[in-house]
PDB file of N, CA and C in Angstrom:
ATOM      1  N   MET A   1      89.445  21.107  -4.079  1.00  0.00           N
ATOM      2  CA  MET A   1      88.401  21.068  -3.440  1.00  0.00           C
ATOM      3  C   MET A   1      88.416  20.457  -2.014  1.00  0.00           C
ATOM      4  N   THR A   2      87.409  21.095  -1.009  1.00  0.00           N
ATOM      5  CA  THR A   2      87.855  21.199   0.600  1.00  0.00           C
ATOM      6  C   THR A   2      86.914  19.435   0.816  1.00  0.00           C
ATOM      7  N   PRO A   3      87.778  18.528   1.397  1.00  0.00           N
ATOM      8  CA  PRO A   3      86.900  17.401   2.383  1.00  0.00           C
ATOM      9  C   PRO A   3      85.633  17.539   2.550  1.00  0.00           C
ATOM     10  N   ARG A   4      84.251  16.728   2.712  1.00  0.00           N
ATOM     11  CA  ARG A   4      83.765  17.015   3.259  1.00  0.00           C
ATOM     12  C   ARG A   4      83.540  16.253   4.977  1.00  0.00           C
ATOM     13  N   LEU A   5      82.936  17.505   5.352  1.00  0.00           N
ATOM     14  CA  LEU A   5      82.866  16.927   6.514  1.00  0.00           C
ATOM     15  C   LEU A   5      81.655  15.780   7.265  1.00  0.00           C
ATOM     16  N   PRO A   6      81.225  15.591   8.365  1.00  0.00           N
ATOM     17  CA  PRO A   6      80.875  14.475   9.065  1.00  0.00           C
ATOM     18  C   PRO A   6      79.711  14.980   9.110  1.00  0.00           C
ATOM     19  N   ARG A   7      78.442  14.649   8.445  1.00  0.00           N
ATOM     20  CA  ARG A   7      77.195  15.201   9.282  1.00  0.00           C
ATOM     21  C   ARG A   7      76.871  15.219  10.725  1.00  0.00           C
ATOM     22  N   SER A   8      76.776  15.807  11.629  1.00  0.00           N
ATOM     23  CA  SER A   8      76.676  15.613  13.280  1.00  0.00           C
ATOM     24  C   SER A   8      75.168  15.129  13.314  1.00  0.00           C
ATOM     25  N   SER A   9      74.754  14.914  12.810  1.00  0.00           N
ATOM     26  CA  SER A   9      72.964  14.583  13.163  1.00  0.00           C
ATOM     27  C   SER A   9      72.248  13.756  11.975  1.00  0.00           C
ATOM     28  N   GLN A  10      71.711  12.588  12.132  1.00  0.00           N
ATOM     29  CA  GLN A  10      70.977  11.806  11.324  1.00  0.00           C
ATOM     30  C   GLN A  10      70.124  12.976  10.432  1.00  0.00           C
ATOM     31  N   PRO A  11      69.927  12.691   9.036  1.00  0.00           N
ATOM     32  CA  PRO A  11      68.643  13.127   8.303  1.00  0.00           C
ATOM     33  C   PRO A  11      67.649  12.774   8.696  1.00  0.00           C
ATOM     34  N   THR A  12      66.819  13.788   8.887  1.00  0.00           N
ATOM     35  CA  THR A  12      65.179  13.541   8.839  1.00  0.00           C
ATOM     36  C   THR A  12      64.576  13.743   7.771  1.00  0.00           C
ATOM     37  N   THR A  13      63.385  13.074   8.543  1.00  0.00           N
ATOM     38  CA  THR A  13      62.285  12.788   7.626  1.00  0.00           C
ATOM     39  C   THR A  13      61.541  13.764   6.347  1.00  0.00           C
ATOM     40  N   ALA A  14      62.223  14.964   7.379  1.00  0.00           N
ATOM     41  CA  ALA A  14      61.492  16.505   6.467  1.00  0.00           C
ATOM     42  C   ALA A  14      62.309  16.825   5.455  1.00  0.00           C
ATOM     43  N   GLU A  15      63.882  16.759   5.851  1.00  0.00           N
ATOM     44  CA  GLU A  15      65.165  16.673   4.979  1.00  0.00           C
ATOM     45  C   GLU A  15      64.854  15.537   3.797  1.00  0.00           C
ATOM     46  N   ALA A  16      64.482  14.470   4.288  1.00  0.00           N
ATOM     47  CA  ALA A  16      64.558  13.471   2.609  1.00  0.00           C
ATOM     48  C   ALA A  16      63.367  13.747   1.749  1.00  0.00           C
ATOM     49  N   ASN A  17      62.006  14.190   2.403  1.00  0.00           N
ATOM     50  CA  ASN A  17      60.778  14.789   1.695  1.00  0.00           C
ATOM     51  C   ASN A  17      61.217  15.608   0.816  1.00  0.00           C
ATOM     52  N   ALA A  18      62.331  16.884   1.628  1.00  0.00           N
ATOM     53  CA  ALA A  18      62.304  18.169   0.387  1.00  0.00           C
ATOM     54  C   ALA A  18      63.232  17.712  -0.088  1.00  0.00           C
ATOM     55  N   TRP A  19      64.068  16.984  -0.556  1.00  0.00           N
ATOM     56  CA  TRP A  19      64.666  16.541  -1.548  1.00  0.00           C
ATOM     57  C   TRP A  19      64.380  15.411  -2.040  1.00  0.00           C
ATOM     58  N   ALA A  20      63.178  14.676  -1.911  1.00  0.00           N
ATOM     59  CA  ALA A  20      62.366  13.498  -2.851  1.00  0.00           C
ATOM     60  C   ALA A  20      61.391  14.646  -3.516  1.00  0.00           C
ATOM     61  N   ASP A  21      60.981  15.722  -3.143  1.00  0.00           N
ATOM     62  CA  ASP A  21      60.129  16.781  -4.187  1.00  0.00           C
ATOM     63  C   ASP A  21      60.976  17.491  -4.985  1.00  0.00           C
ATOM     64  N   VAL A  22      62.533  17.739  -4.798  1.00  0.00           N
ATOM     65  CA  VAL A  22      63.263  18.386  -5.657  1.00  0.00           C
ATOM     66  C   VAL A  22      63.598  17.156  -7.180  1.00  0.00           C
ATOM     67  N   LEU A  23      63.880  16.115  -6.262  1.00  0.00           N
ATOM     68  CA  LEU A  23      64.035  15.044  -7.469  1.00  0.00           C
ATOM     69  C   LEU A  23      62.635  14.597  -8.279  1.00  0.00           C
ATOM     70  N   VAL A  24      61.618  14.758  -8.088  1.00  0.00           N
ATOM     71  CA  VAL A  24      60.458  14.475  -8.392  1.00  0.00           C
ATOM     72  C   VAL A  24      60.238  15.900  -9.505  1.00  0.00           C
ATOM     73  N   ARG A  25      60.322  16.848  -9.131  1.00  0.00           N
ATOM     74  CA  ARG A  25      59.625  18.198  -9.761  1.00  0.00           C
ATOM     75  C   ARG A  25      60.810  18.114 -11.018  1.00  0.00           C
ATOM     76  N   ARG A  26      62.106  17.983 -10.644  1.00  0.00           N
ATOM     77  CA  ARG A  26      62.798  18.179 -11.891  1.00  0.00           C
ATOM     78  C   ARG A  26      62.822  16.442 -12.508  1.00  0.00           C
ATOM     79  N   GLN A  27      61.998  15.697 -12.321  1.00  0.00           N
ATOM     80  CA  GLN A  27      61.516  14.539 -13.366  1.00  0.00           C
ATOM     81  C   GLN A  27      63.145  13.911 -13.401  1.00  0.00           C
ATOM     82  N   LEU A  28      63.953  14.076 -12.199  1.00  0.00           N
ATOM     83  CA  LEU A  28      64.710  12.716 -12.245  1.00  0.00           C
ATOM     84  C   LEU A  28      64.635  11.329 -11.290  1.00  0.00           C
ATOM     85  N   LEU A  29      63.203  11.912 -10.839  1.00  0.00           N
ATOM     86  CA  LEU A  29      62.712  10.481 -10.448  1.00  0.00           C
ATOM     87  C   LEU A  29      60.789  10.535 -10.900  1.00  0.00           C
ATOM     88  N   HIS A  30      60.533   9.481 -10.619  1.00  0.00           N
ATOM     89  CA  HIS A  30      59.051   9.376 -11.293  1.00  0.00           C
ATOM     90  C   HIS A  30      58.163   9.597 -10.064  1.00  0.00           C
ATOM     91  N   ALA A  31      58.711   9.236  -8.982  1.00  0.00           N
ATOM     92  CA  ALA A  31      57.537   9.176  -7.699  1.00  0.00           C
ATOM     93  C   ALA A  31      58.657   8.870  -6.720  1.00  0.00           C
ATOM     94  N   VAL A  32      58.577   9.494  -5.324  1.00  0.00           N
ATOM     95  CA  VAL A  32      59.137   8.662  -4.015  1.00  0.00           C
ATOM     96  C   VAL A  32      57.942   9.315  -2.662  1.00  0.00           C
ATOM     97  N   VAL A  33      57.575   8.321  -2.078  1.00  0.00           N
ATOM     98  CA  VAL A  33      56.197   8.151  -1.414  1.00  0.00           C
ATOM     99  C   VAL A  33      56.676   7.736  -0.059  1.00  0.00           C
ATOM    100  N   LEU A  34      56.767   8.243   1.006  1.00  0.00           N
ATOM    101  CA  LEU A  34      56.670   7.658   2.474  1.00  0.00           C
ATOM    102  C   LEU A  34      55.264   7.034   2.719  1.00  0.00           C
ATOM    103  N   THR A  35      55.835   6.153   3.534  1.00  0.00           N
ATOM    104  CA  THR A  35      55.022   4.909   3.599  1.00  0.00           C
ATOM    105  C   THR A  35      54.447   5.413   5.416  1.00  0.00           C
ATOM    106  N   PRO A  36      53.538   4.632   5.710  1.00  0.00           N
ATOM    107  CA  PRO A  36      53.382   5.096   7.133  1.00  0.00           C
ATOM    108  C   PRO A  36      54.259   4.170   8.229  1.00  0.00           C
ATOM    109  N   THR A  37      55.346   3.310   7.584  1.00  0.00           N
ATOM    110  CA  THR A  37      55.777   2.544   8.211  1.00  0.00           C
ATOM    111  C   THR A  37      57.221   2.977   8.570  1.00  0.00           C
ATOM    112  N   GLY A  38      57.584   4.090   7.602  1.00  0.00           N
ATOM    113  CA  GLY A  38      58.631   5.299   7.651  1.00  0.00           C
ATOM    114  C   GLY A  38      59.729   4.847   6.652  1.00  0.00           C
ATOM    115  N   GLN A  39      59.336   3.736   5.614  1.00  0.00           N
ATOM    116  CA  GLN A  39      59.780   3.448   4.550  1.00  0.00           C
ATOM    117  C   GLN A  39      59.479   4.438   3.184  1.00  0.00           C
ATOM    118  N   TRP A  40      60.405   4.557   2.447  1.00  0.00           N
ATOM    119  CA  TRP A  40      60.735   5.028   0.976  1.00  0.00           C
ATOM    120  C   TRP A  40      60.245   3.938  -0.132  1.00  0.00           C
ATOM    121  N   LEU A  41      59.047   4.850  -0.994  1.00  0.00           N
ATOM    122  CA  LEU A  41      58.913   4.068  -1.754  1.00  0.00           C
ATOM    123  C   LEU A  41      59.172   4.603  -3.316  1.00  0.00           C
ATOM    124  N   VAL A  42      60.427   3.962  -4.205  1.00  0.00           N
ATOM    125  CA  VAL A  42      61.004   4.826  -5.062  1.00  0.00           C
ATOM    126  C   VAL A  42      60.875   4.293  -6.101  1.00  0.00           C
ATOM    127  N   GLN A  43      60.668   4.939  -7.294  1.00  0.00           N
ATOM    128  CA  GLN A  43      60.207   4.212  -8.660  1.00  0.00           C
ATOM    129  C   GLN A  43      61.330   5.597  -9.882  1.00  0.00           C
ATOM    130  N   ASP A  44      61.915   5.050 -10.221  1.00  0.00           N
ATOM    131  CA  ASP A  44      62.664   5.740 -11.165  1.00  0.00           C
ATOM    132  C   ASP A  44      61.945   6.348 -12.716  1.00  0.00           C
ATOM    133  N   ARG A  45      61.237   5.492 -13.111  1.00  0.00           N
ATOM    134  CA  ARG A  45      60.381   6.287 -14.297  1.00  0.00           C
ATOM    135  C   ARG A  45      59.606   5.042 -13.925  1.00  0.00           C
ATOM    136  N   PRO A  46      57.849   5.217 -14.832  1.00  0.00           N
ATOM    137  CA  PRO A  46      56.769   5.014 -14.721  1.00  0.00           C
ATOM    138  C   PRO A  46      56.759   3.079 -15.053  1.00  0.00           C
ATOM    139  N   SER A  47      57.860   2.787 -15.786  1.00  0.00           N
ATOM    140  CA  SER A  47      57.707   1.593 -16.178  1.00  0.00           C
ATOM    141  C   SER A  47      58.655   0.492 -15.362  1.00  0.00           C
ATOM    142  N   ARG A  48      59.639   1.470 -14.856  1.00  0.00           N
ATOM    143  CA  ARG A  48      60.422   0.661 -13.832  1.00  0.00           C
ATOM    144  C   ARG A  48      59.721  -0.060 -12.497  1.00  0.00           C
ATOM    145  N   PRO A  49      60.463  -0.715 -11.658  1.00  0.00           N
ATOM    146  CA  PRO A  49      60.025  -1.663 -10.779  1.00  0.00           C
ATOM    147  C   PRO A  49      60.112  -0.366  -9.436  1.00  0.00           C
ATOM    148  N   VAL A  50      59.133  -0.641  -8.542  1.00  0.00           N
ATOM    149  CA  VAL A  50      59.198   0.425  -7.740  1.00  0.00           C
ATOM    150  C   VAL A  50      60.863  -0.525  -6.564  1.00  0.00           C
ATOM    151  N   ARG A  51      61.444   0.434  -5.678  1.00  0.00           N
ATOM    152  CA  ARG A  51      62.882  -0.098  -5.195  1.00  0.00           C
ATOM    153  C   ARG A  51      61.891   0.584  -3.353  1.00  0.00           C
ATOM    154  N   VAL A  52      62.234  -0.230  -2.315  1.00  0.00           N
ATOM    155  CA  VAL A  52      61.864  -0.052  -0.977  1.00  0.00           C
ATOM    156  C   VAL A  52      63.414   1.120  -0.364  1.00  0.00           C
ATOM    157  N   LEU A  53      63.197   1.502   0.059  1.00  0.00           N
ATOM    158  CA  LEU A  53      64.002   2.485   0.540  1.00  0.00           C
ATOM    159  C   LEU A  53      64.317   2.785   2.557  1.00  0.00           C
ATOM    160  N   ALA A  54      64.986   2.548   2.889  1.00  0.00           N
ATOM    161  CA  ALA A  54      64.394   1.860   4.494  1.00  0.00           C
ATOM    162  C   ALA A  54      64.614   3.261   5.377  1.00  0.00           C
ATOM    163  N   SER A  55      65.001   4.591   5.316  1.00  0.00           N
ATOM    164  CA  SER A  55      65.131   5.439   6.049  1.00  0.00           C
ATOM    165  C   SER A  55      65.546   6.655   5.359  1.00  0.00           C
ATOM    166  N   PRO A  56      65.280   7.583   6.040  1.00  0.00           N
ATOM    167  CA  PRO A  56      65.826   9.219   5.604  1.00  0.00           C
ATOM    168  C   PRO A  56      67.265   9.549   4.921  1.00  0.00           C
ATOM    169  N   ALA A  57      68.060   8.306   5.358  1.00  0.00           N
ATOM    170  CA  ALA A  57      69.194   8.737   5.259  1.00  0.00           C
ATOM    171  C   ALA A  57      69.601   7.689   3.849  1.00  0.00           C
ATOM    172  N   ASP A  58      68.907   6.521   3.347  1.00  0.00           N
ATOM    173  CA  ASP A  58      69.055   6.117   2.289  1.00  0.00           C
ATOM    174  C   ASP A  58      68.562   7.265   1.050  1.00  0.00           C
ATOM    175  N   VAL A  59      67.828   7.995   1.299  1.00  0.00           N
ATOM    176  CA  VAL A  59      66.565   8.917   0.169  1.00  0.00           C
ATOM    177  C   VAL A  59      68.156   9.834   0.161  1.00  0.00           C
ATOM    178  N   LEU A  60      68.318  10.632   1.018  1.00  0.00           N
ATOM    179  CA  LEU A  60      69.452  11.708   1.063  1.00  0.00           C
ATOM    180  C   LEU A  60      70.689  11.323  -0.155  1.00  0.00           C
ATOM    181  N   ALA A  61      70.846   9.267   0.661  1.00  0.00           N
ATOM    182  CA  ALA A  61      72.019   8.776  -0.257  1.00  0.00           C
ATOM    183  C   ALA A  61      71.923   8.660  -1.786  1.00  0.00           C
ATOM    184  N   LEU A  62      70.693   8.327  -2.349  1.00  0.00           N
ATOM    185  CA  LEU A  62      70.228   7.975  -3.772  1.00  0.00           C
ATOM    186  C   LEU A  62      70.231   9.475  -4.180  1.00  0.00           C
ATOM    187  N   ALA A  63      69.467  10.751  -3.418  1.00  0.00           N
ATOM    188  CA  ALA A  63      69.961  12.094  -4.029  1.00  0.00           C
ATOM    189  C   ALA A  63      71.143  12.553  -4.204  1.00  0.00           C
ATOM    190  N   ALA A  64      72.212  12.173  -3.717  1.00  0.00           N
ATOM    191  CA  ALA A  64      74.279  11.963  -3.636  1.00  0.00           C
ATOM    192  C   ALA A  64      74.039  11.442  -4.692  1.00  0.00           C
ATOM    193  N   ALA A  65      73.906  10.702  -5.132  1.00  0.00           N
ATOM    194  CA  ALA A  65      74.289   9.462  -6.374  1.00  0.00           C
ATOM    195  C   ALA A  65      74.182  10.100  -7.572  1.00  0.00           C
ATOM    196  N   ILE A  66      72.205  10.757  -7.320  1.00  0.00           N
ATOM    197  CA  ILE A  66      71.595  11.017  -9.099  1.00  0.00           C
ATOM    198  C   ILE A  66      72.437  12.263  -9.138  1.00  0.00           C
ATOM    199  N   GLN A  67      72.631  13.070  -7.921  1.00  0.00           N
ATOM    200  CA  GLN A  67      73.314  14.669  -8.371  1.00  0.00           C
ATOM    201  C   GLN A  67      75.030  14.492  -8.891  1.00  0.00           C
ATOM    202  N   HIS A  68      75.224  13.516  -8.509  1.00  0.00           N
ATOM    203  CA  HIS A  68      76.372  13.327  -8.768  1.00  0.00           C
ATOM    204  C   HIS A  68      76.541  12.194 -10.138  1.00  0.00           C
ATOM    205  N   ARG A  69      76.214  12.154 -10.108  1.00  0.00           N
ATOM    206  CA  ARG A  69      75.573  11.219 -11.793  1.00  0.00           C
ATOM    207  C   ARG A  69      75.431  12.427 -12.828  1.00  0.00           C
ATOM    208  N   THR A  70      74.574  13.828 -12.441  1.00  0.00           N
ATOM    209  CA  THR A  70      74.274  14.493 -13.488  1.00  0.00           C
ATOM    210  C   THR A  70      75.355  15.409 -13.658  1.00  0.00           C
ATOM    211  N   ARG A  71      75.913  15.578 -12.453  1.00  0.00           N
ATOM    212  CA  ARG A  71      77.110  16.627 -12.448  1.00  0.00           C
ATOM    213  C   ARG A  71      78.601  15.971 -13.017  1.00  0.00           C
ATOM    214  N   SER A  72      78.574  14.630 -13.322  1.00  0.00           N
ATOM    215  CA  SER A  72      79.589  13.893 -13.933  1.00  0.00           C
ATOM    216  C   SER A  72      79.096  14.131 -15.368  1.00  0.00           C
ATOM    217  N   THR A  73      78.260  13.172 -15.933  1.00  0.00           N
ATOM    218  CA  THR A  73      77.557  13.829 -17.009  1.00  0.00           C
ATOM    219  C   THR A  73      77.238  14.960 -18.079  1.00  0.00           C
ATOM    220  N   ARG A  74      77.463  15.455 -17.653  1.00  0.00           N
ATOM    221  CA  ARG A  74      77.290  17.248 -18.194  1.00  0.00           C
ATOM    222  C   ARG A  74      78.108  17.845 -18.470  1.00  0.00           C
ATOM    223  N   PRO A  75      78.015  18.612 -19.721  1.00  0.00           N
ATOM    224  CA  PRO A  75      79.507  19.075 -20.025  1.00  0.00           C
ATOM    225  C   PRO A  75      79.862  19.943 -19.445  1.00  0.00           C
ATOM    226  N   GLU A  76      81.697  20.770 -19.280  1.00  0.00           N
ATOM    227  CA  GLU A  76      81.868  21.598 -18.591  1.00  0.00           C
ATOM    228  C   GLU A  76      81.226  22.796 -19.110  1.00  0.00           C
ATOM    229  N   SER A  77      80.939  23.892 -18.509  1.00  0.00           N
ATOM    230  CA  SER A  77      80.638  25.184 -18.937  1.00  0.00           C
ATOM    231  C   SER A  77      81.265  26.112 -19.132  1.00  0.00           C
ATOM    232  N   ARG A  78      82.669  25.563 -18.901  1.00  0.00           N
ATOM    233  CA  ARG A  78      84.030  26.966 -18.850  1.00  0.00           C
ATOM    234  C   ARG A  78      84.545  27.542 -20.118  1.00  0.00           C
TER     235      ARG A  78
END
């Protein structure tokens, strides 16, 4: 596996919004809302508490963690 290069720029709001949309559509999160202050409200399931993420980078970190979790828990298809 090739190591990843560090990002050359900070994640944008548009990029975080795209990832949030995918996570909600695939039902990996219940809701993700961008507030006027630039914070993100995230809820895993309807009955779970709402978490506050401070930036688009936090949304991308959450998306990466969810992606890692789903890939590491599914059986290999080889």
